[in-house]
Structure formats: structure tokens, C-alpha cells
N, C-alpha and C. Protein backbone atom coordinates (compact mmCIF):
# COMPACT_ATOMS: atom_id res chain seq x y z
N MET A 1 124.42 99.00 105.05
CA MET A 1 124.15 99.76 104.18
C MET A 1 122.85 100.58 104.04
N THR A 2 122.76 101.52 103.35
CA THR A 2 121.62 102.17 103.32
C THR A 2 120.86 102.51 101.81
N VAL A 3 119.59 102.85 101.84
CA VAL A 3 119.06 103.18 100.56
C VAL A 3 118.32 104.35 100.66
N ALA A 4 118.54 105.28 99.58
CA ALA A 4 117.88 106.47 99.61
C ALA A 4 116.67 106.55 98.84
N VAL A 5 115.72 107.07 99.23
CA VAL A 5 114.36 107.31 98.48
C VAL A 5 113.95 108.64 98.18
N GLU A 6 113.52 108.77 96.91
CA GLU A 6 113.21 110.13 96.49
C GLU A 6 111.84 109.89 95.88
N LEU A 7 110.90 110.61 96.13
CA LEU A 7 109.68 110.56 95.65
C LEU A 7 109.40 111.85 94.72
N ALA A 8 109.19 111.76 93.38
CA ALA A 8 109.10 112.77 92.68
C ALA A 8 107.86 112.75 91.91
N VAL A 9 107.30 113.96 91.56
CA VAL A 9 105.95 114.16 90.73
C VAL A 9 106.36 113.97 89.23
N VAL A 10 105.58 113.31 88.58
CA VAL A 10 105.63 113.28 87.15
C VAL A 10 105.37 114.71 86.67
N PRO A 11 106.26 115.04 85.73
CA PRO A 11 105.84 116.31 85.00
C PRO A 11 104.49 116.61 84.70
N GLU A 12 104.00 117.72 85.17
CA GLU A 12 102.54 118.12 84.84
C GLU A 12 102.04 117.90 83.43
N GLY A 13 100.88 117.22 83.46
CA GLY A 13 100.45 116.90 82.06
C GLY A 13 100.90 115.57 81.51
N ALA A 14 101.90 114.97 82.03
CA ALA A 14 102.55 113.71 81.42
C ALA A 14 101.53 112.72 81.84
N LEU A 15 101.19 112.62 83.04
CA LEU A 15 100.21 111.47 83.27
C LEU A 15 99.45 111.94 84.61
N GLU A 16 98.24 111.33 84.77
CA GLU A 16 97.47 111.63 85.92
C GLU A 16 97.59 110.69 86.85
N ARG A 17 97.66 110.95 88.06
CA ARG A 17 97.78 109.99 89.36
C ARG A 17 98.72 109.15 89.31
N ALA A 18 99.87 109.43 88.85
CA ALA A 18 101.08 108.73 89.01
C ALA A 18 102.24 109.32 89.81
N ALA A 19 103.13 108.49 90.21
CA ALA A 19 104.21 108.85 91.07
C ALA A 19 105.50 108.17 90.56
N VAL A 20 106.67 108.87 90.64
CA VAL A 20 107.98 108.29 90.36
C VAL A 20 108.73 108.23 91.68
N LEU A 21 109.26 106.96 91.96
CA LEU A 21 110.01 106.68 93.15
C LEU A 21 111.50 106.36 92.64
N ALA A 22 112.36 107.06 93.03
CA ALA A 22 113.79 106.72 92.74
C ALA A 22 114.51 106.19 93.90
N LEU A 23 115.11 105.03 93.66
CA LEU A 23 115.83 104.42 94.79
C LEU A 23 117.41 104.43 94.50
N ALA A 24 118.12 104.61 95.58
CA ALA A 24 119.63 104.55 95.25
C ALA A 24 120.22 103.77 96.38
N GLY A 25 121.34 103.14 96.21
CA GLY A 25 122.10 102.33 97.39
C GLY A 25 121.82 100.97 97.29
N GLU A 26 121.73 100.43 98.51
CA GLU A 26 121.54 98.90 98.62
C GLU A 26 120.30 98.65 99.40
N LEU A 27 119.67 97.76 98.95
CA LEU A 27 118.31 97.27 99.56
C LEU A 27 118.45 95.99 100.20
N ASP A 28 118.30 95.83 101.50
CA ASP A 28 118.53 94.55 101.91
C ASP A 28 117.86 94.41 103.28
N TYR A 29 118.08 93.31 104.04
CA TYR A 29 117.26 93.10 105.23
C TYR A 29 117.44 94.04 106.25
N THR A 30 118.60 94.96 106.24
CA THR A 30 118.78 95.97 107.15
C THR A 30 117.81 97.24 107.00
N ASN A 31 117.57 97.35 105.90
CA ASN A 31 116.52 98.73 105.55
C ASN A 31 115.25 98.45 104.97
N ALA A 32 114.99 97.11 104.50
CA ALA A 32 113.79 97.03 103.68
C ALA A 32 112.43 97.45 104.43
N GLU A 33 112.36 96.87 105.60
CA GLU A 33 111.14 97.24 106.41
C GLU A 33 110.89 98.89 106.44
N GLN A 34 112.17 99.47 106.73
CA GLN A 34 112.01 101.08 107.07
C GLN A 34 111.70 101.70 105.59
N LEU A 35 112.24 101.10 104.66
CA LEU A 35 111.83 101.64 103.19
C LEU A 35 110.46 101.46 102.82
N ARG A 36 109.89 100.27 103.23
CA ARG A 36 108.46 99.95 102.86
C ARG A 36 107.70 100.93 103.55
N GLN A 37 107.85 101.25 105.06
CA GLN A 37 107.21 102.15 105.66
C GLN A 37 107.34 103.65 105.07
N ASP A 38 108.38 104.00 104.60
CA ASP A 38 108.67 105.43 104.23
C ASP A 38 107.90 105.52 102.81
N ILE A 39 108.02 104.52 102.14
CA ILE A 39 107.27 104.45 100.72
C ILE A 39 105.88 104.59 100.96
N VAL A 40 105.16 103.93 101.88
CA VAL A 40 103.65 103.94 102.19
C VAL A 40 103.30 105.36 102.67
N GLU A 41 104.18 105.80 103.40
CA GLU A 41 103.79 107.15 104.00
C GLU A 41 104.07 108.30 102.86
N ALA A 42 105.06 108.11 102.06
CA ALA A 42 105.40 109.24 101.08
C ALA A 42 104.44 109.22 99.75
N LEU A 43 103.93 108.07 99.51
CA LEU A 43 103.30 107.79 98.34
C LEU A 43 101.84 108.52 98.33
N PRO A 44 101.49 109.45 97.59
CA PRO A 44 100.17 110.16 97.55
C PRO A 44 99.08 109.26 97.62
N SER A 45 98.13 109.38 98.33
CA SER A 45 96.93 108.68 98.31
C SER A 45 96.18 108.46 96.93
N ASP A 46 96.53 109.75 96.06
CA ASP A 46 95.64 109.65 94.89
C ASP A 46 96.50 109.28 93.56
N SER A 47 97.60 108.86 94.16
CA SER A 47 98.60 108.05 92.94
C SER A 47 98.10 106.68 92.68
N ARG A 48 97.64 106.38 91.50
CA ARG A 48 97.23 104.96 91.17
C ARG A 48 98.46 104.20 90.48
N ASP A 49 99.38 104.96 89.74
CA ASP A 49 100.47 103.99 89.10
C ASP A 49 101.77 104.61 89.68
N LEU A 50 102.65 103.73 89.68
CA LEU A 50 103.92 104.05 90.23
C LEU A 50 105.02 103.52 89.29
N ILE A 51 105.97 104.64 89.04
CA ILE A 51 107.10 104.18 88.41
C ILE A 51 108.45 104.20 89.33
N VAL A 52 109.22 103.08 89.16
CA VAL A 52 110.16 103.01 90.29
C VAL A 52 111.51 103.13 89.50
N ASP A 53 112.15 104.12 89.71
CA ASP A 53 113.56 104.27 88.82
C ASP A 53 114.58 103.60 89.62
N LEU A 54 115.17 102.60 89.15
CA LEU A 54 116.22 101.72 89.73
C LEU A 54 117.63 101.90 89.17
N THR A 55 117.85 103.12 88.73
CA THR A 55 119.03 103.49 87.92
C THR A 55 120.23 103.35 89.01
N HIS A 56 119.96 103.92 90.10
CA HIS A 56 121.11 103.76 91.16
C HIS A 56 121.01 102.95 92.36
N LEU A 57 120.16 101.85 92.25
CA LEU A 57 119.98 100.77 93.08
C LEU A 57 121.05 99.76 92.79
N SER A 58 122.04 99.67 93.53
CA SER A 58 123.17 98.79 93.29
C SER A 58 123.08 97.27 93.85
N PHE A 59 122.13 97.19 94.77
CA PHE A 59 121.91 95.78 95.42
C PHE A 59 120.48 95.68 95.95
N CYS A 60 120.12 94.44 95.79
CA CYS A 60 118.70 94.21 96.30
C CYS A 60 118.70 92.66 96.84
N ASP A 61 118.47 92.31 97.94
CA ASP A 61 118.18 90.90 98.28
C ASP A 61 116.80 90.59 98.38
N SER A 62 116.50 89.51 98.90
CA SER A 62 115.03 88.79 98.94
C SER A 62 114.01 89.73 99.64
N THR A 63 114.57 90.27 100.85
CA THR A 63 113.78 91.25 101.55
C THR A 63 113.31 92.35 100.63
N GLY A 64 114.45 93.01 99.82
CA GLY A 64 114.11 94.03 99.07
C GLY A 64 113.14 93.62 97.95
N ILE A 65 113.14 92.51 97.50
CA ILE A 65 112.18 92.05 96.54
C ILE A 65 110.84 91.86 97.03
N ARG A 66 110.57 91.48 98.35
CA ARG A 66 109.27 91.57 98.95
C ARG A 66 108.81 92.96 99.20
N VAL A 67 109.65 93.92 99.27
CA VAL A 67 109.26 95.40 99.20
C VAL A 67 108.49 95.59 97.88
N PHE A 68 109.12 95.32 96.88
CA PHE A 68 108.60 95.51 95.40
C PHE A 68 107.31 94.73 95.21
N LEU A 69 107.10 93.54 95.70
CA LEU A 69 105.83 92.85 95.78
C LEU A 69 104.71 93.43 96.61
N GLY A 70 105.24 94.06 97.75
CA GLY A 70 104.27 94.89 98.40
C GLY A 70 103.74 96.16 97.77
N LEU A 71 104.73 96.75 96.98
CA LEU A 71 104.34 97.84 96.34
C LEU A 71 103.26 97.58 95.18
N ARG A 72 103.49 96.37 94.53
CA ARG A 72 102.47 95.91 93.54
C ARG A 72 101.22 95.69 94.27
N THR A 73 101.19 95.16 95.37
CA THR A 73 99.74 94.89 95.83
C THR A 73 99.20 96.07 96.22
N LEU A 74 99.95 97.09 96.76
CA LEU A 74 99.30 98.45 97.14
C LEU A 74 98.83 99.12 95.90
N VAL A 75 99.69 99.21 94.99
CA VAL A 75 99.28 100.00 93.79
C VAL A 75 98.26 99.07 92.93
N GLY A 76 98.12 97.88 92.99
CA GLY A 76 97.15 97.00 92.26
C GLY A 76 95.82 97.34 93.12
N GLU A 77 95.72 97.47 94.47
CA GLU A 77 94.51 97.71 95.00
C GLU A 77 93.90 99.04 94.61
N ARG A 78 94.70 99.91 94.04
CA ARG A 78 94.34 101.11 93.63
C ARG A 78 93.85 101.17 92.12
N GLY A 79 94.11 99.91 91.55
CA GLY A 79 93.88 99.81 89.98
C GLY A 79 94.95 100.26 89.26
N GLY A 80 96.00 100.31 89.79
CA GLY A 80 97.10 100.78 89.03
C GLY A 80 98.40 99.69 88.70
N VAL A 81 99.44 100.04 88.15
CA VAL A 81 100.53 99.27 87.82
C VAL A 81 101.83 99.90 88.42
N VAL A 82 102.87 98.87 88.57
CA VAL A 82 104.11 99.18 89.10
C VAL A 82 105.03 99.07 87.87
N ALA A 83 105.68 100.27 87.29
CA ALA A 83 106.64 100.02 86.17
C ALA A 83 107.96 100.19 86.69
N LEU A 84 108.84 99.06 86.61
CA LEU A 84 110.25 99.12 86.99
C LEU A 84 111.04 99.64 85.92
N ALA A 85 111.81 100.75 86.17
CA ALA A 85 112.61 101.15 84.96
C ALA A 85 114.25 101.29 85.41
N ASP A 86 114.96 101.00 84.31
CA ASP A 86 116.46 101.08 84.37
C ASP A 86 116.95 100.08 85.47
N MET A 87 116.65 98.86 85.46
CA MET A 87 117.21 97.84 86.28
C MET A 87 118.63 97.53 86.03
N GLN A 88 119.35 97.36 87.06
CA GLN A 88 120.74 97.09 86.72
C GLN A 88 120.86 95.59 86.43
N PRO A 89 121.87 95.05 85.73
CA PRO A 89 121.90 93.80 85.11
C PRO A 89 121.78 92.63 86.00
N ARG A 90 122.13 92.65 87.29
CA ARG A 90 122.10 91.63 88.34
C ARG A 90 120.46 91.71 88.87
N LEU A 91 119.92 92.71 89.02
CA LEU A 91 118.48 92.72 89.40
C LEU A 91 117.69 92.09 88.44
N THR A 92 117.94 92.39 87.09
CA THR A 92 117.32 92.08 86.11
C THR A 92 117.23 90.56 85.81
N ARG A 93 118.58 89.96 86.10
CA ARG A 93 118.69 88.53 86.13
C ARG A 93 117.89 87.81 87.21
N ILE A 94 117.87 88.44 88.36
CA ILE A 94 117.10 87.96 89.39
C ILE A 94 115.41 87.82 89.09
N PHE A 95 114.98 88.91 88.56
CA PHE A 95 113.63 88.99 88.22
C PHE A 95 113.40 88.10 87.06
N ARG A 96 114.26 87.85 86.13
CA ARG A 96 113.90 87.00 85.00
C ARG A 96 113.98 85.52 85.58
N THR A 97 114.96 85.14 86.37
CA THR A 97 115.07 83.88 86.90
C THR A 97 114.11 83.38 87.69
N THR A 98 113.51 84.35 88.55
CA THR A 98 112.40 84.13 89.48
C THR A 98 111.01 84.14 88.78
N GLY A 99 110.95 84.73 87.64
CA GLY A 99 109.70 84.99 86.90
C GLY A 99 108.96 86.24 87.48
N LEU A 100 109.63 87.02 88.27
CA LEU A 100 108.91 88.33 88.81
C LEU A 100 108.79 89.33 87.51
N VAL A 101 109.47 89.16 86.53
CA VAL A 101 109.33 90.04 85.36
C VAL A 101 107.72 90.01 84.79
N HIS A 102 107.06 88.88 85.23
CA HIS A 102 105.67 88.73 84.80
C HIS A 102 104.78 89.38 85.59
N PHE A 103 105.10 89.79 86.72
CA PHE A 103 104.37 90.72 87.53
C PHE A 103 104.41 92.13 87.58
N PHE A 104 105.39 92.38 86.99
CA PHE A 104 105.75 93.93 86.82
C PHE A 104 105.98 94.35 85.36
N THR A 105 105.83 95.70 85.14
CA THR A 105 106.10 96.15 83.76
C THR A 105 107.46 96.60 83.92
N VAL A 106 108.45 96.08 83.14
CA VAL A 106 109.79 96.47 83.20
C VAL A 106 110.15 96.98 81.99
N VAL A 107 110.83 98.20 82.11
CA VAL A 107 111.07 98.98 80.92
C VAL A 107 112.60 99.50 80.99
N PRO A 108 113.16 100.02 79.97
CA PRO A 108 114.53 100.35 79.89
C PRO A 108 114.72 101.74 80.69
N THR A 109 113.81 102.83 80.56
CA THR A 109 113.94 104.01 81.18
C THR A 109 112.73 104.63 81.80
N VAL A 110 112.86 105.63 82.60
CA VAL A 110 111.79 106.13 83.18
C VAL A 110 110.83 106.85 82.04
N SER A 111 111.37 107.53 81.07
CA SER A 111 110.64 107.94 79.78
C SER A 111 109.78 106.64 79.30
N ASP A 112 110.35 105.74 79.12
CA ASP A 112 109.58 104.51 78.50
C ASP A 112 108.44 104.00 79.48
N ALA A 113 108.60 104.27 80.74
CA ALA A 113 107.48 103.82 81.65
C ALA A 113 106.41 104.94 81.48
N VAL A 114 106.72 106.24 81.39
CA VAL A 114 105.73 107.18 81.23
C VAL A 114 105.07 106.91 79.98
N ASP A 115 105.75 106.57 78.87
CA ASP A 115 105.18 106.27 77.61
C ASP A 115 104.16 105.19 77.70
N PHE A 116 104.69 104.14 78.28
CA PHE A 116 103.65 102.85 78.70
C PHE A 116 102.36 103.26 79.35
N LEU A 117 102.68 104.08 80.51
CA LEU A 117 101.35 104.46 81.17
C LEU A 117 100.51 105.31 80.62
N ARG A 118 101.00 106.24 79.77
CA ARG A 118 100.20 107.21 78.90
C ARG A 118 99.50 106.20 77.78
N SER A 119 99.82 105.17 77.38
CA SER A 119 99.21 104.23 76.42
C SER A 119 98.09 103.44 76.89
N ARG A 120 98.28 103.28 78.29
CA ARG A 120 96.96 102.56 78.82
C ARG A 120 95.66 102.99 78.78
């Protein structure tokens, strides 16, 4: 299976130095490393905060979760945070069960993520 990545700019004036990454499809051992490389290359160097829109991510295994943890490290080194928006119920359960919800900002929508980052 494949995962599609779309990197979008947050609407002008909404936030400074933030990027929105939208994922779609299935994220697993067959594509996690390529996705990680694609994200690192696509993420603007001046982006501090990252919003990951998970609306259309239908599956994620442990290698995919490692991609999220790597993003957290990368963004954290820039002094920013990763906000995960609109997680599907299965992924939400995994993040809660493993305690990963404590390492990310998890919000219901991208709009909520923008509001959270704006309030920081």
C-alpha cells in the first residue's frame, strides 16, 4: 500500500513558521522510510511547528509511529511542537494505549491545531 503526502502552507497570517502536512492512505513498513525522507526534504527549514492532518490516514503500524516520533524530534530541535489532528479511532487507541498521546499535541481538527499553536 502507499501513503500520499501533501505539504501545505498555513494560511497567511494564521501562524508564523508553521507547516501543515496531510497524510492519506496506509503507513507501514513498506513506505515509512520513504515517507520520512520525503517529509524531511519537503519541510521548509524555517518551519518551527508542524500540524499533521491525519483525516485520511487509514492505517499506521509501528514503523509509521516511528516516523511520527522522528518528526517530533526534528521539530523539537527547532523549538516547535507537532500537533496531530483528526486521528482515526484506531490510531487514537494505539496512541492512548502506548502513552504516545503525552508526547504530541492531539487535537480534533486542523483548525483546533492552528488555534492551539496561535495561543502558545
